[in-house]
Amino acid sequence: MSRLSLLYDVHRVAYLTDRLVEESLADHQLSGTDFAVYSFLVVNGPATVSEVAAGIAMSPASTSKLLAKIDELGHLLRSPNPDDGRSVLVELNEDGRSEHKTTAPPFGAALRRVTDSLGGAVDEVRWSLARLDEALSEALEQQPVPAGDPPDHRTLNYDGTPLAAAEEDETRRFIAWLQHQGQQP
């Protein structure tokens, strides 16, 4: 990991994640983004375009394009939204669910490789990602801040001998765990 900035590190992790998913699905019809939409629809059932967009964190316009592609593949059903006559509900048809089922094993294998590498830290990482998701969502809702160096709100000082990279990583994980414990009810 670099020390350039938090957003750079997040970008790097997102890029590596995308690369792993795309490579694992290379022999299949669905891209990683397609698989995310299919998975959302499998888990959530019929949904509006806005609900799908919010679920996969994409703009409604980009989501509409993805859904049009899924529709062209013959994997989508559209029906009037009984709660709002102006919108439609989308869901996967049998062929779409079958395509998702075919694509799930290589995705699952890639996921297992990552979780195996994390060992017992999966819950900690998922908690940190949930917190990061919240922070990024909040940042998107706020007004832009003028350019400049971001403030450093860290207040932890250590005057001992320098830590090895593994020791520093372990210390950061411990701090994250302590912060998580402090937020428990």
C-alpha atoms as a PDB file:
ATOM      1  CA  MET A   1       0.000   0.000   0.000  1.00  0.00           C
ATOM      2  CA  SER A   2       1.211   3.462  -0.727  1.00  0.00           C
ATOM      3  CA  ARG A   3       1.158   6.391   1.601  1.00  0.00           C
ATOM      4  CA  LEU A   4       0.020   8.888  -1.070  1.00  0.00           C
ATOM      5  CA  SER A   5      -3.531   9.323   0.230  1.00  0.00           C
ATOM      6  CA  LEU A   6      -6.521   7.372   1.455  1.00  0.00           C
ATOM      7  CA  LEU A   7      -8.345   7.901  -1.838  1.00  0.00           C
ATOM      8  CA  TYR A   8      -5.338   6.643  -3.803  1.00  0.00           C
ATOM      9  CA  ASP A   9      -5.259   3.512  -1.626  1.00  0.00           C
ATOM     10  CA  VAL A  10      -9.003   2.990  -2.107  1.00  0.00           C
ATOM     11  CA  HIS A  11      -8.598   3.426  -5.866  1.00  0.00           C
ATOM     12  CA  ARG A  12      -5.811   0.834  -5.864  1.00  0.00           C
ATOM     13  CA  VAL A  13      -7.915  -1.676  -3.909  1.00  0.00           C
ATOM     14  CA  ALA A  14     -10.894  -1.037  -6.206  1.00  0.00           C
ATOM     15  CA  TYR A  15      -8.701  -1.558  -9.268  1.00  0.00           C
ATOM     16  CA  LEU A  16      -7.242  -4.806  -7.884  1.00  0.00           C
ATOM     17  CA  THR A  17     -10.733  -6.020  -6.976  1.00  0.00           C
ATOM     18  CA  ASP A  18     -12.019  -5.237 -10.460  1.00  0.00           C
ATOM     19  CA  ARG A  19      -9.032  -7.000 -12.014  1.00  0.00           C
ATOM     20  CA  LEU A  20      -9.517 -10.131  -9.878  1.00  0.00           C
ATOM     21  CA  VAL A  21     -13.235 -10.323 -10.662  1.00  0.00           C
ATOM     22  CA  GLU A  22     -12.747  -9.661 -14.386  1.00  0.00           C
ATOM     23  CA  GLU A  23     -10.004 -12.316 -14.614  1.00  0.00           C
ATOM     24  CA  SER A  24     -12.137 -14.842 -12.737  1.00  0.00           C
ATOM     25  CA  LEU A  25     -15.064 -14.227 -15.118  1.00  0.00           C
ATOM     26  CA  ALA A  26     -12.972 -14.046 -18.311  1.00  0.00           C
ATOM     27  CA  ASP A  27     -14.422 -17.286 -19.699  1.00  0.00           C
ATOM     28  CA  HIS A  28     -18.014 -16.178 -19.082  1.00  0.00           C
ATOM     29  CA  GLN A  29     -20.513 -13.867 -20.736  1.00  0.00           C
ATOM     30  CA  LEU A  30     -20.814 -11.495 -17.751  1.00  0.00           C
ATOM     31  CA  SER A  31     -18.363  -8.787 -16.745  1.00  0.00           C
ATOM     32  CA  GLY A  32     -17.768  -7.995 -13.093  1.00  0.00           C
ATOM     33  CA  THR A  33     -20.201  -5.079 -13.255  1.00  0.00           C
ATOM     34  CA  ASP A  34     -22.793  -7.260 -14.991  1.00  0.00           C
ATOM     35  CA  PHE A  35     -22.331  -9.879 -12.286  1.00  0.00           C
ATOM     36  CA  ALA A  36     -22.920  -7.223  -9.606  1.00  0.00           C
ATOM     37  CA  VAL A  37     -26.246  -6.254 -11.209  1.00  0.00           C
ATOM     38  CA  TYR A  38     -27.308  -9.893 -11.660  1.00  0.00           C
ATOM     39  CA  SER A  39     -26.343 -10.635  -8.036  1.00  0.00           C
ATOM     40  CA  PHE A  40     -28.297  -7.618  -6.784  1.00  0.00           C
ATOM     41  CA  LEU A  41     -31.380  -8.767  -8.693  1.00  0.00           C
ATOM     42  CA  VAL A  42     -31.007 -12.389  -7.546  1.00  0.00           C
ATOM     43  CA  VAL A  43     -30.811 -11.318  -3.899  1.00  0.00           C
ATOM     44  CA  ASN A  44     -33.361  -8.468  -3.988  1.00  0.00           C
ATOM     45  CA  GLY A  45     -35.836  -9.649  -6.590  1.00  0.00           C
ATOM     46  CA  PRO A  46     -37.808  -7.115  -8.610  1.00  0.00           C
ATOM     47  CA  ALA A  47     -36.475  -3.578  -8.162  1.00  0.00           C
ATOM     48  CA  THR A  48     -36.729  -0.157  -9.748  1.00  0.00           C
ATOM     49  CA  VAL A  49     -33.818   1.232 -11.737  1.00  0.00           C
ATOM     50  CA  SER A  50     -33.181   3.673  -8.876  1.00  0.00           C
ATOM     51  CA  GLU A  51     -33.042   0.831  -6.360  1.00  0.00           C
ATOM     52  CA  VAL A  52     -30.594  -1.111  -8.535  1.00  0.00           C
ATOM     53  CA  ALA A  53     -28.477   2.035  -9.011  1.00  0.00           C
ATOM     54  CA  ALA A  54     -28.355   2.677  -5.264  1.00  0.00           C
ATOM     55  CA  GLY A  55     -27.599  -0.986  -4.575  1.00  0.00           C
ATOM     56  CA  ILE A  56     -24.586  -1.110  -6.878  1.00  0.00           C
ATOM     57  CA  ALA A  57     -23.513   2.527  -6.256  1.00  0.00           C
ATOM     58  CA  MET A  58     -23.798   3.626  -9.888  1.00  0.00           C
ATOM     59  CA  SER A  59     -25.640   6.516 -11.458  1.00  0.00           C
ATOM     60  CA  PRO A  60     -29.182   5.835 -12.677  1.00  0.00           C
ATOM     61  CA  ALA A  61     -28.052   6.625 -16.251  1.00  0.00           C
ATOM     62  CA  SER A  62     -25.212   4.070 -16.139  1.00  0.00           C
ATOM     63  CA  THR A  63     -27.509   1.546 -14.483  1.00  0.00           C
ATOM     64  CA  SER A  64     -30.118   2.050 -17.212  1.00  0.00           C
ATOM     65  CA  LYS A  65     -27.453   1.305 -19.844  1.00  0.00           C
ATOM     66  CA  LEU A  66     -26.444  -1.877 -17.999  1.00  0.00           C
ATOM     67  CA  LEU A  67     -30.062  -2.966 -17.739  1.00  0.00           C
ATOM     68  CA  ALA A  68     -30.555  -2.293 -21.467  1.00  0.00           C
ATOM     69  CA  LYS A  69     -27.570  -4.567 -22.170  1.00  0.00           C
ATOM     70  CA  ILE A  70     -29.058  -7.272 -19.914  1.00  0.00           C
ATOM     71  CA  ASP A  71     -32.371  -6.834 -21.708  1.00  0.00           C
ATOM     72  CA  GLU A  72     -30.631  -7.238 -25.102  1.00  0.00           C
ATOM     73  CA  LEU A  73     -29.143 -10.510 -23.841  1.00  0.00           C
ATOM     74  CA  GLY A  74     -32.715 -11.674 -23.183  1.00  0.00           C
ATOM     75  CA  HIS A  75     -32.160 -11.952 -19.422  1.00  0.00           C
ATOM     76  CA  LEU A  76     -34.505  -9.258 -18.093  1.00  0.00           C
ATOM     77  CA  LEU A  77     -38.180  -8.965 -17.287  1.00  0.00           C
ATOM     78  CA  ARG A  78     -39.837  -5.570 -16.948  1.00  0.00           C
ATOM     79  CA  SER A  79     -43.194  -4.997 -15.282  1.00  0.00           C
ATOM     80  CA  PRO A  80     -45.169  -1.945 -14.170  1.00  0.00           C
ATOM     81  CA  ASN A  81     -44.377  -0.815 -10.628  1.00  0.00           C
ATOM     82  CA  PRO A  82     -47.648  -1.237  -8.675  1.00  0.00           C
ATOM     83  CA  ASP A  83     -46.473   1.397  -6.157  1.00  0.00           C
ATOM     84  CA  ASP A  84     -45.578   4.038  -8.763  1.00  0.00           C
ATOM     85  CA  GLY A  85     -47.133   4.045 -12.223  1.00  0.00           C
ATOM     86  CA  ARG A  86     -44.252   6.119 -13.619  1.00  0.00           C
ATOM     87  CA  SER A  87     -41.576   3.477 -13.033  1.00  0.00           C
ATOM     88  CA  VAL A  88     -41.003  -0.157 -13.868  1.00  0.00           C
ATOM     89  CA  LEU A  89     -39.680  -3.086 -11.903  1.00  0.00           C
ATOM     90  CA  VAL A  90     -36.852  -5.124 -13.383  1.00  0.00           C
ATOM     91  CA  GLU A  91     -35.876  -8.669 -12.534  1.00  0.00           C
ATOM     92  CA  LEU A  92     -33.945 -11.508 -14.075  1.00  0.00           C
ATOM     93  CA  ASN A  93     -35.868 -14.053 -16.072  1.00  0.00           C
ATOM     94  CA  GLU A  94     -35.032 -17.767 -15.954  1.00  0.00           C
ATOM     95  CA  ASP A  95     -32.221 -17.383 -18.523  1.00  0.00           C
ATOM     96  CA  GLY A  96     -30.732 -14.511 -16.504  1.00  0.00           C
ATOM     97  CA  ARG A  97     -30.852 -16.500 -13.260  1.00  0.00           C
ATOM     98  CA  SER A  98     -29.271 -19.436 -15.078  1.00  0.00           C
ATOM     99  CA  GLU A  99     -26.465 -17.203 -16.421  1.00  0.00           C
ATOM    100  CA  HIS A 100     -25.840 -15.888 -12.892  1.00  0.00           C
ATOM    101  CA  LYS A 101     -25.749 -19.435 -11.545  1.00  0.00           C
ATOM    102  CA  THR A 102     -23.219 -20.437 -14.237  1.00  0.00           C
ATOM    103  CA  THR A 103     -21.023 -17.428 -13.480  1.00  0.00           C
ATOM    104  CA  ALA A 104     -21.169 -17.718  -9.670  1.00  0.00           C
ATOM    105  CA  PRO A 105     -18.610 -20.570  -9.204  1.00  0.00           C
ATOM    106  CA  PRO A 106     -15.561 -18.732 -10.626  1.00  0.00           C
ATOM    107  CA  PHE A 107     -16.588 -15.619  -8.696  1.00  0.00           C
ATOM    108  CA  GLY A 108     -16.915 -17.738  -5.549  1.00  0.00           C
ATOM    109  CA  ALA A 109     -13.468 -19.232  -6.128  1.00  0.00           C
ATOM    110  CA  ALA A 110     -11.936 -15.742  -6.384  1.00  0.00           C
ATOM    111  CA  LEU A 111     -13.788 -14.691  -3.241  1.00  0.00           C
ATOM    112  CA  ARG A 112     -12.477 -17.737  -1.359  1.00  0.00           C
ATOM    113  CA  ARG A 113      -8.890 -16.906  -2.370  1.00  0.00           C
ATOM    114  CA  VAL A 114      -9.305 -13.428  -0.890  1.00  0.00           C
ATOM    115  CA  THR A 115     -11.030 -14.565   2.309  1.00  0.00           C
ATOM    116  CA  ASP A 116      -8.436 -17.316   2.801  1.00  0.00           C
ATOM    117  CA  SER A 117      -5.686 -14.694   2.471  1.00  0.00           C
ATOM    118  CA  LEU A 118      -7.408 -12.539   5.085  1.00  0.00           C
ATOM    119  CA  GLY A 119      -7.600 -15.376   7.567  1.00  0.00           C
ATOM    120  CA  GLY A 120      -9.681 -14.382  10.567  1.00  0.00           C
ATOM    121  CA  ALA A 121      -9.802 -10.689   9.608  1.00  0.00           C
ATOM    122  CA  VAL A 122     -12.801 -10.902   7.238  1.00  0.00           C
ATOM    123  CA  ASP A 123     -15.254  -9.340   9.701  1.00  0.00           C
ATOM    124  CA  GLU A 124     -12.804  -6.561  10.550  1.00  0.00           C
ATOM    125  CA  VAL A 125     -12.249  -5.769   6.867  1.00  0.00           C
ATOM    126  CA  ARG A 126     -15.986  -5.802   6.148  1.00  0.00           C
ATOM    127  CA  TRP A 127     -16.592  -3.459   9.095  1.00  0.00           C
ATOM    128  CA  SER A 128     -13.879  -1.100   7.800  1.00  0.00           C
ATOM    129  CA  LEU A 129     -15.350  -1.225   4.293  1.00  0.00           C
ATOM    130  CA  ALA A 130     -18.816  -0.431   5.648  1.00  0.00           C
ATOM    131  CA  ARG A 131     -17.392   2.588   7.470  1.00  0.00           C
ATOM    132  CA  LEU A 132     -15.525   3.662   4.323  1.00  0.00           C
ATOM    133  CA  ASP A 133     -18.731   3.259   2.286  1.00  0.00           C
ATOM    134  CA  GLU A 134     -20.503   5.580   4.739  1.00  0.00           C
ATOM    135  CA  ALA A 135     -17.686   8.140   4.610  1.00  0.00           C
ATOM    136  CA  LEU A 136     -17.544   8.134   0.805  1.00  0.00           C
ATOM    137  CA  SER A 137     -21.335   8.441   0.575  1.00  0.00           C
ATOM    138  CA  GLU A 138     -21.277  11.370   3.001  1.00  0.00           C
ATOM    139  CA  ALA A 139     -18.434  13.017   1.071  1.00  0.00           C
ATOM    140  CA  LEU A 140     -20.408  12.757  -2.164  1.00  0.00           C
ATOM    141  CA  GLU A 141     -23.342  14.544  -0.515  1.00  0.00           C
ATOM    142  CA  GLN A 142     -21.179  17.405   0.792  1.00  0.00           C
ATOM    143  CA  GLN A 143     -20.062  20.495  -1.060  1.00  0.00           C
ATOM    144  CA  PRO A 144     -16.572  20.289  -2.592  1.00  0.00           C
ATOM    145  CA  VAL A 145     -13.744  21.517  -0.386  1.00  0.00           C
ATOM    146  CA  PRO A 146     -11.157  23.871  -1.904  1.00  0.00           C
ATOM    147  CA  ALA A 147      -8.003  22.112  -3.075  1.00  0.00           C
ATOM    148  CA  GLY A 148      -5.092  21.843  -0.704  1.00  0.00           C
ATOM    149  CA  ASP A 149      -3.549  19.400   1.673  1.00  0.00           C
ATOM    150  CA  PRO A 150      -6.189  17.432   3.568  1.00  0.00           C
ATOM    151  CA  PRO A 151      -6.060  17.890   7.318  1.00  0.00           C
ATOM    152  CA  ASP A 152      -4.446  15.113   9.295  1.00  0.00           C
ATOM    153  CA  HIS A 153      -6.744  14.316  12.208  1.00  0.00           C
ATOM    154  CA  ARG A 154      -4.623  11.516  13.591  1.00  0.00           C
ATOM    155  CA  THR A 155      -3.321  12.220  17.071  1.00  0.00           C
ATOM    156  CA  LEU A 156      -1.492   9.032  17.925  1.00  0.00           C
ATOM    157  CA  ASN A 157       2.239   9.507  18.594  1.00  0.00           C
ATOM    158  CA  TYR A 158       4.818   6.787  19.117  1.00  0.00           C
ATOM    159  CA  ASP A 159       8.312   7.629  20.347  1.00  0.00           C
ATOM    160  CA  GLY A 160       9.693   4.084  20.501  1.00  0.00           C
ATOM    161  CA  THR A 161      11.922   2.274  18.066  1.00  0.00           C
ATOM    162  CA  PRO A 162      10.651   2.266  14.473  1.00  0.00           C
ATOM    163  CA  LEU A 163       8.211  -0.532  13.702  1.00  0.00           C
ATOM    164  CA  ALA A 164       8.623  -3.012  10.897  1.00  0.00           C
ATOM    165  CA  ALA A 165       5.939  -2.822   8.199  1.00  0.00           C
ATOM    166  CA  ALA A 166       4.198  -5.937   9.565  1.00  0.00           C
ATOM    167  CA  GLU A 167       4.237  -4.482  13.104  1.00  0.00           C
ATOM    168  CA  GLU A 168       2.814  -1.187  11.857  1.00  0.00           C
ATOM    169  CA  ASP A 169       0.052  -3.024   9.960  1.00  0.00           C
ATOM    170  CA  GLU A 170      -0.778  -5.092  13.044  1.00  0.00           C
ATOM    171  CA  THR A 171      -0.886  -1.926  15.177  1.00  0.00           C
ATOM    172  CA  ARG A 172      -3.241  -0.239  12.695  1.00  0.00           C
ATOM    173  CA  ARG A 173      -5.519  -3.310  12.724  1.00  0.00           C
ATOM    174  CA  PHE A 174      -5.524  -3.266  16.516  1.00  0.00           C
ATOM    175  CA  ILE A 175      -6.421   0.439  16.528  1.00  0.00           C
ATOM    176  CA  ALA A 176      -9.254  -0.218  14.058  1.00  0.00           C
ATOM    177  CA  TRP A 177     -10.478  -3.038  16.309  1.00  0.00           C
ATOM    178  CA  LEU A 178     -10.367  -0.715  19.349  1.00  0.00           C
ATOM    179  CA  GLN A 179     -12.296   1.939  17.450  1.00  0.00           C
ATOM    180  CA  HIS A 180     -14.852  -0.684  16.428  1.00  0.00           C
ATOM    181  CA  GLN A 181     -15.205  -1.854  20.028  1.00  0.00           C
ATOM    182  CA  GLY A 182     -15.836   1.726  21.146  1.00  0.00           C
ATOM    183  CA  GLN A 183     -18.763   1.969  18.730  1.00  0.00           C
ATOM    184  CA  GLN A 184     -20.476  -1.204  19.958  1.00  0.00           C
ATOM    185  CA  PRO A 185     -23.737  -0.673  21.888  1.00  0.00           C
END
